[in-house]
Protein backbone atom coordinates (compact mmCIF):
# COMPACT_ATOMS: atom_id res chain seq x y z
CA MET A 1 -22.86 -18.56 3.41
CA THR A 2 -22.78 -15.85 5.56
CA THR A 3 -21.53 -15.82 9.47
CA GLN A 4 -21.63 -13.48 12.40
CA SER A 5 -17.23 -12.64 12.55
CA ASN A 6 -14.45 -10.34 13.06
CA THR A 7 -12.19 -12.81 11.49
CA PRO A 8 -10.45 -10.74 8.72
CA ALA A 9 -9.71 -11.14 5.22
CA GLY A 10 -8.35 -14.43 3.84
CA TRP A 11 -8.01 -18.05 2.56
CA TYR A 12 -9.55 -20.81 4.55
CA PRO A 13 -10.60 -24.53 4.40
CA ASP A 14 -13.79 -24.45 2.55
CA PRO A 15 -16.93 -24.88 4.56
CA HIS A 16 -18.96 -27.11 2.30
CA GLY A 17 -15.96 -29.57 2.67
CA ALA A 18 -14.43 -29.85 -0.25
CA ALA A 19 -11.30 -32.14 -0.24
CA GLN A 20 -8.08 -29.48 0.20
CA THR A 21 -9.77 -27.09 -1.57
CA LEU A 22 -9.14 -23.44 0.27
CA ARG A 23 -11.96 -20.61 0.08
CA TYR A 24 -11.95 -16.64 0.07
CA TRP A 25 -13.42 -15.71 2.95
CA ASP A 26 -13.42 -11.81 2.61
CA GLY A 27 -14.38 -11.15 6.02
CA ALA A 28 -18.71 -10.32 5.96
CA GLN A 29 -19.23 -14.19 4.07
CA TRP A 30 -18.02 -16.49 2.15
CA THR A 31 -17.14 -16.01 -2.01
CA GLU A 32 -17.56 -18.13 -4.68
CA HIS A 33 -13.02 -17.75 -5.52
CA THR A 34 -11.15 -21.26 -4.36
CA ASN A 35 -6.95 -22.22 -4.69
CA PRO A 36 -5.67 -25.71 -3.93
CA ALA A 37 -5.06 -25.58 -0.36
CA GLN A 38 -1.36 -26.80 -0.74
CA GLN A 39 -0.34 -23.25 -1.88
CA GLN A 40 -1.76 -21.47 1.33
CA ALA A 41 -0.89 -23.79 4.45
CA GLY A 42 -1.31 -23.11 7.80
CA GLN A 43 -4.56 -20.90 8.17
CA VAL A 44 -7.61 -21.74 10.08
CA PRO A 45 -11.27 -22.32 8.93
CA PRO A 46 -12.83 -18.40 10.74
CA GLN A 47 -15.29 -20.79 13.58
CA GLN A 48 -11.52 -21.19 14.90
CA ALA A 49 -9.37 -18.33 14.30
CA ALA A 50 -7.34 -16.15 16.57
CA PHE A 51 -9.79 -13.86 17.89
CA PRO A 52 -8.02 -11.89 20.62
CA GLN A 53 -4.52 -11.56 18.49
CA GLN A 54 -6.63 -9.94 15.32
CA GLN A 55 -8.74 -7.92 17.14
CA ALA A 56 -5.46 -6.71 18.38
CA GLY A 57 -3.83 -5.60 15.63
CA GLU A 58 -7.10 -4.44 14.01
CA ALA A 59 -7.26 -1.78 17.17
CA ARG A 60 -3.98 -0.94 16.74
CA VAL A 61 -4.35 0.39 12.82
CA GLN A 62 -7.69 2.12 14.37
CA ARG A 63 -4.92 3.90 16.63
CA GLN A 64 -2.94 4.51 13.82
CA VAL A 65 -5.77 6.49 11.83
CA GLN A 66 -7.72 8.53 14.57
CA GLN A 67 -4.83 8.99 16.88
CA GLN A 68 -1.61 9.17 15.16
CA ALA A 69 -3.15 10.17 12.06
CA GLY A 70 -5.99 12.17 13.01
CA VAL A 71 -8.42 10.71 10.72
CA ALA A 72 -12.03 10.22 12.38
CA ALA A 73 -13.30 7.10 12.32
CA GLY A 74 -16.40 7.16 9.37
CA GLY A 75 -18.65 5.09 7.96
CA PRO A 76 -18.23 1.93 6.00
CA GLY A 77 -16.66 2.16 2.57
CA GLY A 78 -16.63 -0.29 -0.65
CA GLY A 79 -14.47 -3.26 0.48
CA THR A 80 -12.15 -2.35 -2.03
CA LEU A 81 -8.36 -0.67 -2.91
CA PHE A 82 -10.40 1.60 -4.88
CA THR A 83 -13.73 2.34 -2.97
CA GLU A 84 -12.10 2.66 0.77
CA PRO A 85 -12.23 6.59 2.30
CA VAL A 86 -8.62 5.81 4.24
CA LEU A 87 -5.53 3.06 2.67
CA VAL A 88 -3.15 1.71 5.77
CA VAL A 89 -0.14 0.99 4.35
CA ASN A 90 1.80 -0.37 6.26
CA GLN A 91 5.21 -1.49 5.53
CA LYS A 92 6.56 -5.18 6.62
CA ALA A 93 9.37 -5.16 9.05
CA LYS A 94 12.44 -5.94 8.11
CA LEU A 95 15.80 -6.05 10.34
CA ILE A 96 17.36 -6.62 6.77
CA GLU A 97 15.53 -5.58 3.33
CA LEU A 98 16.05 -7.26 0.55
CA THR A 99 12.26 -6.23 -1.32
CA ASN A 100 10.08 -3.51 -0.58
CA GLU A 101 6.48 -5.49 0.44
CA TYR A 102 3.09 -4.11 2.01
CA LYS A 103 0.24 -4.56 3.01
CA VAL A 104 -2.77 -2.27 2.49
CA MET A 105 -5.78 -2.24 5.18
CA ASP A 106 -8.91 -0.67 5.13
CA GLN A 107 -9.52 1.64 8.09
CA ASN A 108 -10.80 -0.64 10.92
CA GLY A 109 -7.28 -2.58 9.85
CA ARG A 110 -8.97 -5.43 7.26
CA GLU A 111 -6.70 -6.27 4.87
CA ILE A 112 -8.17 -5.72 1.45
CA GLY A 113 -4.93 -5.15 -0.73
CA SER A 114 -1.00 -6.03 -0.58
CA VAL A 115 1.85 -4.21 -2.21
CA THR A 116 5.17 -6.36 -3.71
CA GLN A 117 8.56 -5.03 -4.82
CA VAL A 118 8.43 -7.20 -8.80
CA GLY A 119 11.64 -7.87 -11.63
CA GLN A 120 14.49 -8.37 -9.21
CA GLY A 121 16.56 -10.85 -9.66
CA VAL A 122 19.30 -12.70 -7.35
CA LEU A 123 22.02 -10.29 -8.68
CA ARG A 124 19.72 -7.26 -7.16
CA LYS A 125 19.01 -8.60 -4.13
CA ILE A 126 23.15 -8.90 -3.52
CA LEU A 127 23.12 -5.29 -4.98
CA ARG A 128 21.20 -4.20 -2.18
CA PHE A 129 22.41 -6.27 0.31
CA VAL A 130 26.22 -4.80 -0.46
CA SER A 131 25.19 -1.38 -0.88
CA SER A 132 23.15 1.49 -1.23
CA LEU A 133 23.10 1.87 -5.84
CA ASP A 134 20.03 -0.25 -5.71
CA GLN A 135 18.43 2.92 -4.61
CA PHE A 136 19.13 4.37 -7.99
CA LEU A 137 18.29 1.73 -10.65
CA THR A 138 14.89 0.85 -11.61
CA HIS A 139 11.77 -0.74 -9.16
CA LYS A 140 8.77 -1.72 -10.04
CA LEU A 141 6.10 -2.34 -7.20
CA GLU A 142 2.51 -4.55 -7.73
CA ILE A 143 -0.74 -3.34 -5.82
CA ARG A 144 -3.14 -6.49 -5.83
CA ASP A 145 -6.15 -6.69 -4.56
CA ALA A 146 -7.59 -9.12 -1.44
CA TYR A 147 -7.07 -11.91 -3.92
CA GLY A 148 -4.00 -11.57 -4.71
CA GLN A 149 -4.44 -10.32 -8.78
CA PRO A 150 -2.88 -6.93 -10.29
CA GLN A 151 -4.83 -3.90 -9.86
CA LEU A 152 -1.84 -0.93 -10.69
CA LEU A 153 1.77 -1.14 -11.79
CA LEU A 154 4.64 0.91 -10.33
CA THR A 155 7.59 2.08 -11.85
CA ARG A 156 10.27 3.44 -11.52
CA PRO A 157 12.87 4.28 -14.08
CA ALA A 158 16.35 4.54 -13.09
CA LYS A 159 16.91 7.96 -11.90
CA ILE A 160 19.38 9.68 -9.93
CA PHE A 161 17.74 12.37 -8.25
CA LYS A 162 14.71 13.08 -9.05
CA SER A 163 12.51 10.88 -9.39
CA ARG A 164 9.00 10.04 -11.70
CA VAL A 165 6.77 6.39 -11.29
CA ILE A 166 4.59 5.36 -14.29
CA VAL A 167 1.30 3.71 -13.01
CA THR A 168 -0.18 1.34 -15.76
CA ARG A 169 -2.62 -1.34 -15.60
CA PRO A 170 -1.68 -4.85 -15.23
CA ASP A 171 -2.50 -4.76 -18.92
CA GLY A 172 0.53 -1.98 -19.64
CA SER A 173 -2.30 0.62 -20.54
CA PRO A 174 -1.00 3.30 -19.03
CA VAL A 175 -2.62 5.27 -15.85
CA GLY A 176 -0.54 8.30 -15.97
CA GLU A 177 2.71 9.25 -14.20
CA ILE A 178 4.08 11.55 -10.73
CA VAL A 179 7.49 12.91 -11.28
CA GLN A 180 8.96 14.55 -8.63
CA LYS A 181 9.56 18.41 -9.33
CA ASN A 182 12.15 19.82 -6.87
CA MET A 183 14.67 18.11 -4.62
CA ILE A 184 15.23 21.40 -1.88
CA GLY A 185 12.27 22.30 -0.02
CA LYS A 186 8.70 21.54 0.46
CA ILE A 187 8.35 18.66 -2.45
CA ASN A 188 6.42 18.90 -4.99
CA PHE A 189 5.55 16.04 -7.33
CA ALA A 190 3.33 16.65 -10.24
CA MET A 191 0.73 14.02 -11.76
CA THR A 192 -0.24 14.33 -15.38
CA ALA A 193 -2.11 12.04 -17.49
CA ASN A 194 -2.89 11.85 -20.93
CA GLY A 195 -0.19 15.23 -21.51
CA GLN A 196 -2.37 16.95 -18.59
CA GLN A 197 -1.36 17.66 -15.03
CA VAL A 198 -4.53 16.09 -13.22
CA GLY A 199 -3.62 16.64 -9.71
CA ALA A 200 -0.21 17.06 -7.38
CA ILE A 201 1.22 16.11 -4.30
CA LYS A 202 2.39 18.74 -1.85
CA ALA A 203 4.99 18.24 1.26
CA GLU A 204 3.75 20.44 3.88
CA ASN A 205 7.02 20.84 5.47
CA TRP A 206 11.04 20.36 4.06
CA ARG A 207 10.75 16.70 6.92
CA ALA A 208 8.23 14.99 3.46
CA TRP A 209 6.91 13.37 5.63
CA ASN A 210 3.21 14.55 5.37
CA PHE A 211 1.73 15.49 1.79
CA ALA A 212 -1.45 17.56 1.06
CA ILE A 213 -2.74 15.79 -2.67
CA VAL A 214 -5.04 18.40 -4.97
CA ASP A 215 -6.53 18.24 -7.94
CA HIS A 216 -5.71 20.37 -11.44
CA ALA A 217 -7.45 23.27 -9.55
CA ASP A 218 -5.11 23.11 -6.35
CA ASN A 219 -8.61 21.80 -4.62
CA GLU A 220 -7.27 19.80 -1.86
CA VAL A 221 -9.06 15.56 -1.93
CA ALA A 222 -6.78 13.36 -0.36
CA ARG A 223 -4.26 13.56 2.44
CA ILE A 224 -0.77 11.62 3.49
CA THR A 225 0.48 11.12 6.56
CA LYS A 226 3.16 9.46 7.36
CA THR A 227 2.90 7.62 11.56
CA TRP A 228 5.05 7.10 13.56
CA GLU A 229 6.03 2.91 13.78
CA GLY A 230 7.68 2.97 17.19
CA LEU A 231 11.02 2.64 18.77
CA ALA A 232 11.98 -0.58 18.06
CA LYS A 233 10.87 -0.35 14.34
CA THR A 234 12.01 3.59 13.19
CA LEU A 235 15.84 1.98 15.25
CA PHE A 236 16.71 -1.65 13.72
CA THR A 237 14.09 -1.92 10.90
CA THR A 238 13.42 -0.04 7.56
CA ALA A 239 9.49 0.25 8.17
CA ASP A 240 7.36 3.18 7.33
CA ASN A 241 3.76 2.97 7.90
CA TYR A 242 1.20 5.08 6.26
CA VAL A 243 -2.18 6.85 6.29
CA LEU A 244 -3.99 7.32 2.77
CA GLN A 245 -7.41 9.92 3.19
CA ILE A 246 -9.36 10.07 0.55
CA HIS A 247 -12.27 13.17 1.12
CA TYR A 248 -14.70 11.61 -1.24
CA GLN A 249 -14.93 9.65 -4.60
CA LEU A 250 -12.53 10.28 -6.98
CA PRO A 251 -12.51 10.37 -10.93
CA GLU A 252 -10.80 8.15 -13.00
CA PRO A 253 -7.90 7.95 -13.74
CA LEU A 254 -7.02 10.60 -10.49
CA LEU A 255 -8.66 8.25 -8.72
CA SER A 256 -5.47 5.53 -9.76
CA LEU A 257 -2.76 7.85 -9.26
CA VAL A 258 -3.60 9.22 -5.91
CA VAL A 259 -4.68 5.45 -4.98
CA ALA A 260 -0.60 4.77 -5.68
CA THR A 261 0.80 8.34 -4.12
CA ALA A 262 2.15 7.09 -0.53
CA LEU A 263 4.27 3.97 -2.40
CA THR A 264 5.06 6.48 -4.42
CA VAL A 265 6.49 8.77 -1.74
CA ASP A 266 7.88 5.87 -0.01
CA THR A 267 9.79 4.78 -2.94
CA ALA A 268 11.12 7.99 -4.26
CA LEU A 269 11.63 10.05 -1.04
CA LYS A 270 12.34 7.54 1.93
CA GLN A 271 13.69 4.43 0.17
CA ASP A 272 16.33 6.50 -1.26
CA ALA A 273 17.53 7.78 1.72
CA ARG A 274 18.05 4.45 3.17
CA GLY A 275 20.91 1.43 2.26
CA TRP A 276 24.19 -0.28 3.41
CA GLY A 277 26.80 2.54 1.57
């Protein structure tokens, strides 16, 4: 069943009439994926969705991409984390951040994935609240698709100075590693797979917010731009926003490592710079 709608992808009451059931709307049509309604309370059918609010959110993301990141509007991508030419990674704004959480959208503001920190216990959250020691401990981030299914797991082992992020598939099979090479000057990361360097992430200035991503031959294949989240968020919350522009379809494992780069940079650098201690 296909309808003309700007409603965002998400779980909604099943239009086919199944009781207590939600069906997934992919932004253009109903899919075969269903879930019990009690797991996803509070959503409304696409026909009743709050279009003005959604359109405002989409407009904000489009401004973030085109005006702040300087990325020209492009044609439609494939609709997934691994087929869109532009990924917008926005961290959820919190006054006190105990768990890292992000939304991942395409260049038009449609949510196509999410990222959440996993493996935290109560004691870890308490430690993060009362001190900045948590930044030195192991961090794990799970990258999920629009259906909530894990696609990649990012593990940053405990560290003191330089960060190393291990990227794996949900089944534990290795993808590669992203390793911080220096702490002073323009920060660089090496991307390795099977013991070979397949690319690098290079900061464009000493503030280390905008990065060029290159392949093994030093050709730029993608770019990360940190966009300003607004004065209120900058002063009172921990949220940071990034635009990842992938210049063309990349081979594996480079593609998966590039998809992981914005989260790696945020976890390795920005998260380490903030704390209560």
